Amino acid sequence: MSNTETIRFEAGLGLEHIGQRTVFLTEISDFAVDKEIYGEAFDKSLPARSAA
């Protein structure tokens, strides 16, 4: 998510402006870690998400 932070900042947008998030996992076992990061990053405004 940090790679989009600069773009969002320059546009004056925050995490609450994200409508959907897609993550590509190389190991399905990493889904638990992603779920934890997702929960920490998006406090109240949870966007749709997909994992592949």
PDB file of N, CA and C in Angstrom:
ATOM      1  N   MET A   1       0.809  -1.188   0.000  1.00  0.00           N
ATOM      2  CA  MET A   1       0.000   0.000   0.000  1.00  0.00           C
ATOM      3  C   MET A   1       0.856   1.256   0.000  1.00  0.00           C
ATOM      4  N   SER A   2       2.081   1.114   0.441  1.00  0.00           N
ATOM      5  CA  SER A   2       2.931   2.300   0.486  1.00  0.00           C
ATOM      6  C   SER A   2       3.265   2.820  -0.913  1.00  0.00           C
ATOM      7  N   ASN A   3       3.211   1.946  -1.924  1.00  0.00           N
ATOM      8  CA  ASN A   3       3.516   2.410  -3.274  1.00  0.00           C
ATOM      9  C   ASN A   3       2.428   3.312  -3.850  1.00  0.00           C
ATOM     10  N   THR A   4       1.239   3.290  -3.271  1.00  0.00           N
ATOM     11  CA  THR A   4       0.187   4.194  -3.734  1.00  0.00           C
ATOM     12  C   THR A   4       0.048   5.425  -2.850  1.00  0.00           C
ATOM     13  N   GLU A   5       0.770   5.435  -1.729  1.00  0.00           N
ATOM     14  CA  GLU A   5       0.644   6.536  -0.775  1.00  0.00           C
ATOM     15  C   GLU A   5       1.010   7.879  -1.386  1.00  0.00           C
ATOM     16  N   THR A   6       2.093   7.952  -2.125  1.00  0.00           N
ATOM     17  CA  THR A   6       2.521   9.207  -2.750  1.00  0.00           C
ATOM     18  C   THR A   6       1.483   9.709  -3.739  1.00  0.00           C
ATOM     19  N   ILE A   7       0.947   8.816  -4.537  1.00  0.00           N
ATOM     20  CA  ILE A   7      -0.059   9.203  -5.534  1.00  0.00           C
ATOM     21  C   ILE A   7      -1.310   9.726  -4.841  1.00  0.00           C
ATOM     22  N   ARG A   8      -1.767   9.010  -3.813  1.00  0.00           N
ATOM     23  CA  ARG A   8      -2.948   9.455  -3.082  1.00  0.00           C
ATOM     24  C   ARG A   8      -2.713  10.792  -2.391  1.00  0.00           C
ATOM     25  N   PHE A   9      -1.538  10.962  -1.791  1.00  0.00           N
ATOM     26  CA  PHE A   9      -1.213  12.206  -1.096  1.00  0.00           C
ATOM     27  C   PHE A   9      -1.233  13.388  -2.062  1.00  0.00           C
ATOM     28  N   GLU A  10      -0.603  13.217  -3.217  1.00  0.00           N
ATOM     29  CA  GLU A  10      -0.553  14.295  -4.219  1.00  0.00           C
ATOM     30  C   GLU A  10      -1.949  14.672  -4.717  1.00  0.00           C
ATOM     31  N   ALA A  11      -2.843  13.694  -4.751  1.00  0.00           N
ATOM     32  CA  ALA A  11      -4.211  13.937  -5.213  1.00  0.00           C
ATOM     33  C   ALA A  11      -5.126  14.404  -4.076  1.00  0.00           C
ATOM     34  N   GLY A  12      -4.588  14.444  -2.854  1.00  0.00           N
ATOM     35  CA  GLY A  12      -5.394  14.861  -1.715  1.00  0.00           C
ATOM     36  C   GLY A  12      -6.377  13.796  -1.257  1.00  0.00           C
ATOM     37  N   LEU A  13      -6.027  12.534  -1.473  1.00  0.00           N
ATOM     38  CA  LEU A  13      -6.924  11.425  -1.130  1.00  0.00           C
ATOM     39  C   LEU A  13      -6.345  10.596   0.006  1.00  0.00           C
ATOM     40  N   GLY A  14      -7.222  10.012   0.788  1.00  0.00           N
ATOM     41  CA  GLY A  14      -6.822   9.135   1.880  1.00  0.00           C
ATOM     42  C   GLY A  14      -7.310   7.728   1.644  1.00  0.00           C
ATOM     43  N   LEU A  15      -7.081   6.873   2.622  1.00  0.00           N
ATOM     44  CA  LEU A  15      -7.512   5.482   2.504  1.00  0.00           C
ATOM     45  C   LEU A  15      -9.022   5.355   2.367  1.00  0.00           C
ATOM     46  N   GLU A  16      -9.754   6.322   2.910  1.00  0.00           N
ATOM     47  CA  GLU A  16     -11.223   6.266   2.818  1.00  0.00           C
ATOM     48  C   GLU A  16     -11.730   6.435   1.392  1.00  0.00           C
ATOM     49  N   HIS A  17     -10.849   6.852   0.467  1.00  0.00           N
ATOM     50  CA  HIS A  17     -11.233   7.033  -0.928  1.00  0.00           C
ATOM     51  C   HIS A  17     -10.985   5.780  -1.781  1.00  0.00           C
ATOM     52  N   ILE A  18     -10.431   4.747  -1.182  1.00  0.00           N
ATOM     53  CA  ILE A  18     -10.169   3.511  -1.922  1.00  0.00           C
ATOM     54  C   ILE A  18     -11.455   2.693  -1.983  1.00  0.00           C
ATOM     55  N   GLY A  19     -11.855   2.306  -3.179  1.00  0.00           N
ATOM     56  CA  GLY A  19     -13.094   1.557  -3.372  1.00  0.00           C
ATOM     57  C   GLY A  19     -12.887   0.058  -3.438  1.00  0.00           C
ATOM     58  N   GLN A  20     -11.728  -0.367  -3.932  1.00  0.00           N
ATOM     59  CA  GLN A  20     -11.434  -1.789  -4.032  1.00  0.00           C
ATOM     60  C   GLN A  20      -9.932  -1.988  -3.958  1.00  0.00           C
ATOM     61  N   ARG A  21      -9.558  -3.115  -3.413  1.00  0.00           N
ATOM     62  CA  ARG A  21      -8.146  -3.452  -3.269  1.00  0.00           C
ATOM     63  C   ARG A  21      -7.963  -4.887  -3.735  1.00  0.00           C
ATOM     64  N   THR A  22      -6.955  -5.126  -4.569  1.00  0.00           N
ATOM     65  CA  THR A  22      -6.637  -6.466  -5.042  1.00  0.00           C
ATOM     66  C   THR A  22      -5.208  -6.784  -4.647  1.00  0.00           C
ATOM     67  N   VAL A  23      -5.002  -7.960  -4.106  1.00  0.00           N
ATOM     68  CA  VAL A  23      -3.658  -8.394  -3.731  1.00  0.00           C
ATOM     69  C   VAL A  23      -3.380  -9.739  -4.398  1.00  0.00           C
ATOM     70  N   PHE A  24      -2.173  -9.886  -4.902  1.00  0.00           N
ATOM     71  CA  PHE A  24      -1.748 -11.135  -5.527  1.00  0.00           C
ATOM     72  C   PHE A  24      -0.765 -11.821  -4.581  1.00  0.00           C
ATOM     73  N   LEU A  25      -1.143 -12.985  -4.084  1.00  0.00           N
ATOM     74  CA  LEU A  25      -0.321 -13.724  -3.139  1.00  0.00           C
ATOM     75  C   LEU A  25       0.429 -14.841  -3.856  1.00  0.00           C
ATOM     76  N   THR A  26       1.699 -15.011  -3.505  1.00  0.00           N
ATOM     77  CA  THR A  26       2.455 -16.131  -4.061  1.00  0.00           C
ATOM     78  C   THR A  26       2.218 -17.398  -3.246  1.00  0.00           C
ATOM     79  N   GLU A  27       1.799 -17.219  -1.987  1.00  0.00           N
ATOM     80  CA  GLU A  27       1.472 -18.340  -1.111  1.00  0.00           C
ATOM     81  C   GLU A  27       0.146 -18.050  -0.426  1.00  0.00           C
ATOM     82  N   ILE A  28      -0.818 -18.936  -0.528  1.00  0.00           N
ATOM     83  CA  ILE A  28      -2.115 -18.724   0.101  1.00  0.00           C
ATOM     84  C   ILE A  28      -1.976 -18.625   1.616  1.00  0.00           C
ATOM     85  N   SER A  29      -0.926 -19.201   2.161  1.00  0.00           N
ATOM     86  CA  SER A  29      -0.699 -19.120   3.604  1.00  0.00           C
ATOM     87  C   SER A  29      -0.424 -17.684   4.054  1.00  0.00           C
ATOM     88  N   ASP A  30      -0.078 -16.805   3.120  1.00  0.00           N
ATOM     89  CA  ASP A  30       0.154 -15.396   3.441  1.00  0.00           C
ATOM     90  C   ASP A  30      -1.151 -14.614   3.604  1.00  0.00           C
ATOM     91  N   PHE A  31      -2.281 -15.257   3.335  1.00  0.00           N
ATOM     92  CA  PHE A  31      -3.562 -14.566   3.432  1.00  0.00           C
ATOM     93  C   PHE A  31      -3.826 -14.070   4.852  1.00  0.00           C
ATOM     94  N   ALA A  32      -3.434 -14.836   5.852  1.00  0.00           N
ATOM     95  CA  ALA A  32      -3.635 -14.432   7.250  1.00  0.00           C
ATOM     96  C   ALA A  32      -2.862 -13.151   7.563  1.00  0.00           C
ATOM     97  N   VAL A  33      -1.657 -13.039   7.049  1.00  0.00           N
ATOM     98  CA  VAL A  33      -0.855 -11.830   7.259  1.00  0.00           C
ATOM     99  C   VAL A  33      -1.500 -10.652   6.539  1.00  0.00           C
ATOM    100  N   ASP A  34      -1.950 -10.886   5.320  1.00  0.00           N
ATOM    101  CA  ASP A  34      -2.617  -9.820   4.567  1.00  0.00           C
ATOM    102  C   ASP A  34      -3.880  -9.358   5.283  1.00  0.00           C
ATOM    103  N   LYS A  35      -4.626 -10.300   5.829  1.00  0.00           N
ATOM    104  CA  LYS A  35      -5.859  -9.963   6.540  1.00  0.00           C
ATOM    105  C   LYS A  35      -5.556  -9.070   7.748  1.00  0.00           C
ATOM    106  N   GLU A  36      -4.483  -9.349   8.445  1.00  0.00           N
ATOM    107  CA  GLU A  36      -4.082  -8.539   9.595  1.00  0.00           C
ATOM    108  C   GLU A  36      -3.692  -7.124   9.160  1.00  0.00           C
ATOM    109  N   ILE A  37      -2.905  -7.016   8.101  1.00  0.00           N
ATOM    110  CA  ILE A  37      -2.487  -5.707   7.579  1.00  0.00           C
ATOM    111  C   ILE A  37      -3.696  -4.921   7.092  1.00  0.00           C
ATOM    112  N   TYR A  38      -4.597  -5.593   6.411  1.00  0.00           N
ATOM    113  CA  TYR A  38      -5.825  -4.969   5.902  1.00  0.00           C
ATOM    114  C   TYR A  38      -6.627  -4.371   7.053  1.00  0.00           C
ATOM    115  N   GLY A  39      -6.780  -5.146   8.125  1.00  0.00           N
ATOM    116  CA  GLY A  39      -7.530  -4.680   9.283  1.00  0.00           C
ATOM    117  C   GLY A  39      -6.897  -3.492   9.976  1.00  0.00           C
ATOM    118  N   GLU A  40      -5.578  -3.443   9.996  1.00  0.00           N
ATOM    119  CA  GLU A  40      -4.867  -2.329  10.627  1.00  0.00           C
ATOM    120  C   GLU A  40      -4.915  -1.073   9.755  1.00  0.00           C
ATOM    121  N   ALA A  41      -4.794  -1.241   8.467  1.00  0.00           N
ATOM    122  CA  ALA A  41      -4.723  -0.096   7.560  1.00  0.00           C
ATOM    123  C   ALA A  41      -6.074   0.577   7.368  1.00  0.00           C
ATOM    124  N   PHE A  42      -7.104  -0.233   7.227  1.00  0.00           N
ATOM    125  CA  PHE A  42      -8.446   0.290   6.983  1.00  0.00           C
ATOM    126  C   PHE A  42      -9.268   0.158   8.253  1.00  0.00           C
ATOM    127  N   ASP A  43      -9.346   1.250   8.989  1.00  0.00           N
ATOM    128  CA  ASP A  43      -9.996   1.223  10.289  1.00  0.00           C
ATOM    129  C   ASP A  43     -11.510   1.123  10.183  1.00  0.00           C
ATOM    130  N   LYS A  44     -12.139   2.099   9.555  1.00  0.00           N
ATOM    131  CA  LYS A  44     -13.605   2.140   9.500  1.00  0.00           C
ATOM    132  C   LYS A  44     -14.144   1.944   8.092  1.00  0.00           C
ATOM    133  N   SER A  45     -13.466   2.486   7.127  1.00  0.00           N
ATOM    134  CA  SER A  45     -13.937   2.444   5.741  1.00  0.00           C
ATOM    135  C   SER A  45     -13.273   1.282   5.016  1.00  0.00           C
ATOM    136  N   LEU A  46     -13.905   0.120   5.058  1.00  0.00           N
ATOM    137  CA  LEU A  46     -13.330  -1.068   4.446  1.00  0.00           C
ATOM    138  C   LEU A  46     -13.733  -1.181   2.985  1.00  0.00           C
ATOM    139  N   PRO A  47     -12.753  -1.095   2.070  1.00  0.00           N
ATOM    140  CA  PRO A  47     -13.084  -1.266   0.657  1.00  0.00           C
ATOM    141  C   PRO A  47     -13.284  -2.742   0.313  1.00  0.00           C
ATOM    142  N   ALA A  48     -13.915  -2.979  -0.804  1.00  0.00           N
ATOM    143  CA  ALA A  48     -14.026  -4.352  -1.298  1.00  0.00           C
ATOM    144  C   ALA A  48     -12.618  -4.875  -1.518  1.00  0.00           C
ATOM    145  N   ARG A  49     -12.454  -6.163  -1.399  1.00  0.00           N
ATOM    146  CA  ARG A  49     -11.111  -6.725  -1.600  1.00  0.00           C
ATOM    147  C   ARG A  49     -11.189  -8.068  -2.277  1.00  0.00           C
ATOM    148  N   SER A  50     -10.110  -8.385  -2.960  1.00  0.00           N
ATOM    149  CA  SER A  50      -9.996  -9.688  -3.591  1.00  0.00           C
ATOM    150  C   SER A  50      -8.540 -10.128  -3.497  1.00  0.00           C
ATOM    151  N   ALA A  51      -8.355 -11.417  -3.460  1.00  0.00           N
ATOM    152  CA  ALA A  51      -7.003 -11.989  -3.411  1.00  0.00           C
ATOM    153  C   ALA A  51      -6.906 -13.056  -4.477  1.00  0.00           C
ATOM    154  N   ALA A  52      -5.777 -13.085  -5.110  1.00  0.00           N
ATOM    155  CA  ALA A  52      -5.538 -14.096  -6.149  1.00  0.00           C
ATOM    156  C   ALA A  52      -4.199 -14.746  -5.923  1.00  0.00           C
TER     157      ALA A  52
END
